[in-house]
């Protein structure tokens, strides 16, 4: 099994974390695993997977510009082994589903962000991975 992170940043897995009901977030202080972005390996056969989204101005509501977004297309999903894991963005997963009507079994998203226990305004990583929903 190979884990391929097609996001433009590393993914840190934080297994030992707890839920802080005061801030309604998971917090932790130790990274267990890091999956580097494919951008860090110039020889990687994989690339960051992107979705093409059109953004069109719609109107102003209470001095706030309102836009309409429409999924137009997405990059092809790479050919991988059945037991490989491909980490993608929620936006890419949505665009892929919009275009093809299913999620590949190898497609995963990050699950439950974890904030740094010493500075809860900073992300430390995530609790693990999840299937698209």
N, C-alpha and C. Protein backbone atom coordinates (compact mmCIF):
# COMPACT_ATOMS: atom_id res chain seq x y z
N UNK A 1 0.84 -1.18 0.00
CA UNK A 1 0.00 0.00 0.00
C UNK A 1 0.89 1.25 0.00
N UNK A 2 0.50 2.22 -0.81
CA UNK A 2 1.20 3.49 -0.88
C UNK A 2 0.21 4.60 -0.57
N UNK A 3 0.64 5.58 0.22
CA UNK A 3 -0.18 6.76 0.50
C UNK A 3 0.39 7.91 -0.32
N UNK A 4 -0.44 8.50 -1.17
CA UNK A 4 -0.01 9.58 -2.06
C UNK A 4 -0.81 10.83 -1.71
N UNK A 5 -0.10 11.85 -1.27
CA UNK A 5 -0.73 13.10 -0.86
C UNK A 5 -0.71 14.07 -2.04
N UNK A 6 -1.87 14.25 -2.69
CA UNK A 6 -1.93 15.14 -3.85
C UNK A 6 -2.35 16.56 -3.48
N UNK A 7 -2.25 16.89 -2.21
CA UNK A 7 -2.51 18.27 -1.78
C UNK A 7 -1.21 19.07 -1.88
N UNK A 8 -1.30 20.39 -1.95
CA UNK A 8 -0.07 21.20 -2.10
C UNK A 8 0.70 21.40 -0.79
N UNK A 9 0.29 20.70 0.27
CA UNK A 9 0.96 20.82 1.57
C UNK A 9 1.03 19.44 2.22
N UNK A 10 1.93 19.30 3.18
CA UNK A 10 2.05 18.03 3.90
C UNK A 10 0.79 17.77 4.72
N UNK A 11 0.55 16.50 5.00
CA UNK A 11 -0.54 16.08 5.87
C UNK A 11 0.09 15.45 7.11
N UNK A 12 -0.19 16.03 8.27
CA UNK A 12 0.28 15.50 9.54
C UNK A 12 -0.84 14.74 10.22
N UNK A 13 -0.56 13.50 10.64
CA UNK A 13 -1.53 12.69 11.37
C UNK A 13 -1.21 12.79 12.86
N UNK A 14 -2.22 13.15 13.65
CA UNK A 14 -2.09 13.31 15.10
C UNK A 14 -3.07 12.34 15.75
N UNK A 15 -2.55 11.20 16.22
CA UNK A 15 -3.45 10.18 16.77
C UNK A 15 -3.82 10.46 18.23
N UNK A 16 -2.89 11.00 18.98
CA UNK A 16 -3.14 11.25 20.40
C UNK A 16 -3.65 12.68 20.58
N UNK A 17 -4.95 12.83 20.50
CA UNK A 17 -5.54 14.16 20.65
C UNK A 17 -6.87 14.02 21.39
N UNK A 18 -7.32 15.12 21.91
CA UNK A 18 -8.59 15.10 22.62
C UNK A 18 -9.49 16.22 22.13
N UNK A 19 -10.76 16.05 22.35
CA UNK A 19 -11.73 17.06 21.94
C UNK A 19 -11.90 18.07 23.06
N UNK A 20 -11.73 19.35 22.74
CA UNK A 20 -11.92 20.42 23.71
C UNK A 20 -13.29 21.04 23.47
N UNK A 21 -14.27 20.76 24.34
CA UNK A 21 -15.62 21.27 24.10
C UNK A 21 -15.72 22.79 24.18
N UNK A 22 -14.77 23.41 24.87
CA UNK A 22 -14.79 24.86 24.99
C UNK A 22 -14.59 25.54 23.63
N UNK A 23 -13.69 25.01 22.83
CA UNK A 23 -13.44 25.59 21.50
C UNK A 23 -14.03 24.73 20.39
N UNK A 24 -14.64 23.60 20.76
CA UNK A 24 -15.27 22.67 19.82
C UNK A 24 -14.30 22.20 18.74
N UNK A 25 -13.08 21.88 19.16
CA UNK A 25 -12.05 21.42 18.23
C UNK A 25 -11.22 20.34 18.91
N UNK A 26 -10.57 19.51 18.08
CA UNK A 26 -9.58 18.57 18.59
C UNK A 26 -8.27 19.31 18.81
N UNK A 27 -7.56 18.94 19.86
CA UNK A 27 -6.27 19.56 20.14
C UNK A 27 -5.24 18.46 20.41
N UNK A 28 -3.99 18.75 20.09
CA UNK A 28 -2.91 17.80 20.30
C UNK A 28 -1.58 18.50 20.27
N UNK A 29 -0.51 17.74 20.52
CA UNK A 29 0.83 18.37 20.50
C UNK A 29 1.90 17.49 19.88
N UNK A 30 1.53 16.30 19.37
CA UNK A 30 2.54 15.40 18.81
C UNK A 30 2.07 14.86 17.46
N UNK A 31 2.89 15.07 16.45
CA UNK A 31 2.62 14.54 15.11
C UNK A 31 3.13 13.10 15.06
N UNK A 32 2.26 12.17 14.66
CA UNK A 32 2.66 10.76 14.57
C UNK A 32 3.22 10.39 13.21
N UNK A 33 2.62 10.90 12.14
CA UNK A 33 3.06 10.63 10.78
C UNK A 33 2.92 11.90 9.95
N UNK A 34 3.79 12.03 8.97
CA UNK A 34 3.65 13.11 7.99
C UNK A 34 3.71 12.49 6.60
N UNK A 35 2.71 12.84 5.80
CA UNK A 35 2.70 12.43 4.40
C UNK A 35 3.01 13.67 3.57
N UNK A 36 4.21 13.71 2.99
CA UNK A 36 4.60 14.90 2.22
C UNK A 36 3.78 15.06 0.96
N UNK A 37 3.61 16.29 0.55
CA UNK A 37 2.93 16.62 -0.70
C UNK A 37 3.75 16.08 -1.86
N UNK A 38 3.06 15.71 -2.93
CA UNK A 38 3.76 15.28 -4.15
C UNK A 38 4.64 16.41 -4.70
N UNK A 39 4.35 17.65 -4.31
CA UNK A 39 5.17 18.78 -4.76
C UNK A 39 6.61 18.70 -4.23
N UNK A 40 6.82 17.99 -3.13
CA UNK A 40 8.16 17.89 -2.54
C UNK A 40 9.07 16.92 -3.28
N UNK A 41 8.48 16.08 -4.13
CA UNK A 41 9.27 15.08 -4.86
C UNK A 41 9.20 15.41 -6.34
N UNK A 42 10.24 16.04 -6.86
CA UNK A 42 10.23 16.46 -8.27
C UNK A 42 10.20 15.27 -9.23
N UNK A 43 10.50 14.07 -8.73
CA UNK A 43 10.46 12.87 -9.58
C UNK A 43 9.15 12.10 -9.44
N UNK A 44 8.24 12.61 -8.64
CA UNK A 44 6.98 11.91 -8.44
C UNK A 44 6.17 11.86 -9.74
N UNK A 45 5.59 10.70 -10.03
CA UNK A 45 4.74 10.61 -11.22
C UNK A 45 3.36 11.26 -10.98
N UNK A 46 3.11 11.69 -9.74
CA UNK A 46 1.81 12.26 -9.39
C UNK A 46 1.91 13.78 -9.30
N UNK A 47 0.75 14.44 -9.36
CA UNK A 47 0.70 15.89 -9.28
C UNK A 47 -0.41 16.29 -8.31
N UNK A 48 -0.43 17.55 -7.95
CA UNK A 48 -1.53 18.08 -7.16
C UNK A 48 -2.78 18.00 -8.02
N UNK A 49 -3.85 17.42 -7.46
CA UNK A 49 -5.09 17.27 -8.21
C UNK A 49 -5.97 18.50 -7.98
N UNK A 50 -6.38 19.12 -9.07
CA UNK A 50 -7.14 20.36 -9.00
C UNK A 50 -8.52 20.22 -9.62
N UNK A 51 -9.41 21.07 -9.16
CA UNK A 51 -10.73 21.22 -9.75
C UNK A 51 -10.80 22.58 -10.40
N UNK A 52 -11.49 22.66 -11.52
CA UNK A 52 -11.68 23.96 -12.17
C UNK A 52 -13.05 24.48 -11.77
N UNK A 53 -13.04 25.66 -11.18
CA UNK A 53 -14.25 26.29 -10.67
C UNK A 53 -14.37 27.67 -11.32
N UNK A 54 -15.55 27.94 -11.88
CA UNK A 54 -15.83 29.28 -12.39
C UNK A 54 -16.49 30.10 -11.29
N UNK A 55 -16.05 31.33 -11.14
CA UNK A 55 -16.62 32.24 -10.16
C UNK A 55 -17.17 33.44 -10.90
N UNK A 56 -18.46 33.70 -10.71
CA UNK A 56 -19.13 34.80 -11.41
C UNK A 56 -19.79 35.70 -10.37
N UNK A 57 -19.55 37.00 -10.53
CA UNK A 57 -20.18 37.97 -9.64
C UNK A 57 -21.70 37.90 -9.80
N UNK A 58 -22.43 37.96 -8.69
CA UNK A 58 -23.90 37.89 -8.74
C UNK A 58 -24.54 39.20 -8.34
N UNK A 59 -24.27 39.65 -7.11
CA UNK A 59 -24.92 40.87 -6.61
C UNK A 59 -24.26 41.32 -5.31
N UNK A 60 -24.79 42.37 -4.73
CA UNK A 60 -24.35 42.89 -3.43
C UNK A 60 -25.49 42.71 -2.44
N UNK A 61 -25.18 42.17 -1.29
CA UNK A 61 -26.15 42.09 -0.19
C UNK A 61 -25.50 42.74 1.02
N UNK A 62 -26.11 43.82 1.49
CA UNK A 62 -25.60 44.53 2.67
C UNK A 62 -24.11 44.86 2.53
N UNK A 63 -23.74 45.40 1.37
CA UNK A 63 -22.36 45.79 1.04
C UNK A 63 -21.39 44.61 0.92
N UNK A 64 -21.91 43.38 0.83
CA UNK A 64 -21.05 42.21 0.69
C UNK A 64 -21.20 41.67 -0.73
N UNK A 65 -20.10 41.57 -1.48
CA UNK A 65 -20.19 40.99 -2.83
C UNK A 65 -20.57 39.51 -2.73
N UNK A 66 -21.53 39.09 -3.53
CA UNK A 66 -21.96 37.70 -3.57
C UNK A 66 -21.58 37.13 -4.93
N UNK A 67 -21.00 35.92 -4.91
CA UNK A 67 -20.55 35.26 -6.12
C UNK A 67 -21.25 33.92 -6.27
N UNK A 68 -21.33 33.44 -7.48
CA UNK A 68 -21.83 32.10 -7.77
C UNK A 68 -20.65 31.28 -8.26
N UNK A 69 -20.50 30.09 -7.69
CA UNK A 69 -19.41 29.20 -8.09
C UNK A 69 -20.01 27.98 -8.78
N UNK A 70 -19.32 27.54 -9.83
CA UNK A 70 -19.79 26.39 -10.60
C UNK A 70 -18.60 25.49 -10.91
N UNK A 71 -18.77 24.20 -10.61
CA UNK A 71 -17.74 23.23 -10.95
C UNK A 71 -17.75 23.04 -12.46
N UNK A 72 -16.58 23.20 -13.07
CA UNK A 72 -16.46 23.08 -14.52
C UNK A 72 -15.79 21.76 -14.91
N UNK A 73 -14.72 21.39 -14.21
CA UNK A 73 -13.95 20.21 -14.60
C UNK A 73 -13.01 19.85 -13.46
N UNK A 74 -12.29 18.74 -13.61
CA UNK A 74 -11.26 18.37 -12.65
C UNK A 74 -10.19 17.54 -13.36
N UNK A 75 -9.02 17.51 -12.73
CA UNK A 75 -7.93 16.68 -13.25
C UNK A 75 -8.34 15.21 -13.23
N UNK A 76 -7.71 14.43 -14.09
CA UNK A 76 -7.94 12.98 -14.08
C UNK A 76 -7.40 12.38 -12.79
N UNK A 77 -8.10 11.39 -12.27
CA UNK A 77 -7.62 10.65 -11.10
C UNK A 77 -6.54 9.69 -11.57
N UNK A 78 -5.43 9.61 -10.85
CA UNK A 78 -4.33 8.77 -11.32
C UNK A 78 -4.66 7.28 -11.26
N UNK A 79 -4.04 6.52 -12.13
CA UNK A 79 -4.13 5.06 -12.07
C UNK A 79 -3.22 4.58 -10.95
N UNK A 80 -3.79 3.86 -10.00
CA UNK A 80 -3.03 3.36 -8.86
C UNK A 80 -3.50 1.94 -8.55
N UNK A 81 -2.77 1.28 -7.65
CA UNK A 81 -3.16 -0.06 -7.21
C UNK A 81 -4.42 0.02 -6.35
N UNK A 82 -5.13 -1.08 -6.27
CA UNK A 82 -6.38 -1.13 -5.51
C UNK A 82 -6.21 -0.77 -4.04
N UNK A 83 -5.05 -1.10 -3.46
CA UNK A 83 -4.86 -0.84 -2.03
C UNK A 83 -4.14 0.48 -1.74
N UNK A 84 -3.88 1.29 -2.76
CA UNK A 84 -3.25 2.60 -2.55
C UNK A 84 -4.26 3.59 -2.00
N UNK A 85 -3.76 4.60 -1.34
CA UNK A 85 -4.57 5.69 -0.80
C UNK A 85 -4.12 6.98 -1.47
N UNK A 86 -5.07 7.71 -2.05
CA UNK A 86 -4.78 9.00 -2.67
C UNK A 86 -5.51 10.06 -1.85
N UNK A 87 -4.77 10.95 -1.22
CA UNK A 87 -5.36 12.04 -0.43
C UNK A 87 -5.64 13.20 -1.36
N UNK A 88 -6.91 13.65 -1.39
CA UNK A 88 -7.33 14.76 -2.25
C UNK A 88 -8.04 15.81 -1.41
N UNK A 89 -8.28 16.96 -2.00
CA UNK A 89 -9.04 18.01 -1.32
C UNK A 89 -10.53 17.72 -1.43
N UNK A 90 -11.30 18.30 -0.54
CA UNK A 90 -12.76 18.18 -0.59
C UNK A 90 -13.28 18.76 -1.91
N UNK A 91 -12.70 19.86 -2.34
CA UNK A 91 -13.12 20.48 -3.59
C UNK A 91 -12.89 19.55 -4.78
N UNK A 92 -11.71 18.92 -4.82
CA UNK A 92 -11.44 17.98 -5.91
C UNK A 92 -12.41 16.79 -5.87
N UNK A 93 -12.63 16.24 -4.67
CA UNK A 93 -13.55 15.10 -4.54
C UNK A 93 -14.95 15.48 -5.03
N UNK A 94 -15.39 16.68 -4.66
CA UNK A 94 -16.71 17.15 -5.10
C UNK A 94 -16.77 17.29 -6.62
N UNK A 95 -15.73 17.87 -7.19
CA UNK A 95 -15.69 18.05 -8.65
C UNK A 95 -15.65 16.70 -9.36
N UNK A 96 -14.88 15.76 -8.83
CA UNK A 96 -14.80 14.43 -9.44
C UNK A 96 -16.17 13.77 -9.42
N UNK A 97 -16.84 13.83 -8.27
CA UNK A 97 -18.18 13.22 -8.15
C UNK A 97 -19.16 13.91 -9.09
N UNK A 98 -19.07 15.22 -9.17
CA UNK A 98 -19.95 15.99 -10.06
C UNK A 98 -19.77 15.55 -11.52
N UNK A 99 -18.54 15.28 -11.89
CA UNK A 99 -18.23 14.92 -13.27
C UNK A 99 -18.54 13.45 -13.58
N UNK A 100 -18.21 12.54 -12.63
CA UNK A 100 -18.29 11.10 -12.93
C UNK A 100 -19.40 10.36 -12.16
N UNK A 101 -19.91 10.96 -11.09
CA UNK A 101 -21.00 10.32 -10.35
C UNK A 101 -20.60 9.26 -9.35
N UNK A 102 -19.33 9.16 -9.05
CA UNK A 102 -18.86 8.19 -8.03
C UNK A 102 -17.52 8.67 -7.47
N UNK A 103 -17.10 8.04 -6.37
CA UNK A 103 -15.78 8.30 -5.80
C UNK A 103 -14.93 7.04 -6.00
N UNK A 104 -13.71 7.17 -6.52
CA UNK A 104 -12.84 6.00 -6.61
C UNK A 104 -12.56 5.44 -5.21
N UNK A 105 -12.45 4.13 -5.08
CA UNK A 105 -12.23 3.55 -3.75
C UNK A 105 -10.92 3.97 -3.10
N UNK A 106 -9.95 4.42 -3.89
CA UNK A 106 -8.66 4.84 -3.34
C UNK A 106 -8.67 6.30 -2.86
N UNK A 107 -9.76 7.03 -3.08
CA UNK A 107 -9.84 8.46 -2.77
C UNK A 107 -10.15 8.68 -1.28
N UNK A 108 -9.32 9.49 -0.63
CA UNK A 108 -9.51 9.82 0.78
C UNK A 108 -9.34 11.32 1.01
N UNK A 109 -9.98 11.80 2.07
CA UNK A 109 -9.87 13.19 2.53
C UNK A 109 -9.26 13.20 3.92
N UNK A 110 -8.78 14.36 4.35
CA UNK A 110 -8.34 14.47 5.75
C UNK A 110 -9.57 14.50 6.64
N UNK A 111 -9.42 13.95 7.84
CA UNK A 111 -10.54 13.87 8.79
C UNK A 111 -10.21 14.66 10.05
N UNK A 112 -11.13 15.49 10.47
CA UNK A 112 -11.06 16.16 11.76
C UNK A 112 -9.74 16.90 12.01
N UNK A 113 -9.69 18.17 11.69
CA UNK A 113 -8.49 18.95 11.96
C UNK A 113 -8.14 18.94 13.44
N UNK A 114 -6.85 18.98 13.71
CA UNK A 114 -6.35 19.04 15.09
C UNK A 114 -5.56 20.33 15.25
N UNK A 115 -5.94 21.10 16.26
CA UNK A 115 -5.26 22.36 16.55
C UNK A 115 -4.11 22.10 17.51
N UNK A 116 -3.12 22.97 17.49
CA UNK A 116 -1.97 22.87 18.38
C UNK A 116 -2.43 23.16 19.81
N UNK A 117 -2.13 22.25 20.72
CA UNK A 117 -2.58 22.39 22.11
C UNK A 117 -2.01 23.66 22.77
N UNK A 118 -0.84 24.12 22.31
CA UNK A 118 -0.21 25.30 22.88
C UNK A 118 -0.67 26.61 22.24
N UNK A 119 -1.26 26.51 21.04
CA UNK A 119 -1.78 27.69 20.36
C UNK A 119 -2.94 27.22 19.49
N UNK A 120 -4.14 27.27 20.05
CA UNK A 120 -5.31 26.69 19.37
C UNK A 120 -5.75 27.47 18.14
N UNK A 121 -5.02 28.51 17.78
CA UNK A 121 -5.31 29.20 16.52
C UNK A 121 -4.50 28.62 15.37
N UNK A 122 -3.63 27.64 15.66
CA UNK A 122 -2.76 27.05 14.63
C UNK A 122 -3.08 25.57 14.45
N UNK A 123 -3.15 25.16 13.18
CA UNK A 123 -3.37 23.76 12.87
C UNK A 123 -2.10 22.96 13.13
N UNK A 124 -2.28 21.77 13.68
CA UNK A 124 -1.17 20.85 13.87
C UNK A 124 -1.24 19.73 12.82
N UNK A 125 -2.45 19.29 12.54
CA UNK A 125 -2.64 18.21 11.57
C UNK A 125 -4.08 17.77 11.57
N UNK A 126 -4.28 16.46 11.39
CA UNK A 126 -5.63 15.91 11.40
C UNK A 126 -5.60 14.56 12.12
N UNK A 127 -6.78 14.09 12.53
CA UNK A 127 -6.87 12.83 13.28
C UNK A 127 -6.62 11.62 12.40
N UNK A 128 -6.83 11.75 11.10
CA UNK A 128 -6.65 10.62 10.19
C UNK A 128 -7.26 10.96 8.85
N UNK A 129 -7.71 9.94 8.16
CA UNK A 129 -8.30 10.11 6.84
C UNK A 129 -9.73 9.59 6.85
N UNK A 130 -10.51 10.01 5.87
CA UNK A 130 -11.89 9.57 5.74
C UNK A 130 -12.23 9.42 4.26
N UNK A 131 -13.22 8.61 3.99
CA UNK A 131 -13.73 8.50 2.62
C UNK A 131 -14.55 9.76 2.32
N UNK A 132 -14.61 10.18 1.05
CA UNK A 132 -15.47 11.33 0.70
C UNK A 132 -16.92 11.03 1.06
N UNK A 133 -17.65 12.09 1.34
CA UNK A 133 -19.05 11.92 1.77
C UNK A 133 -19.96 12.85 1.00
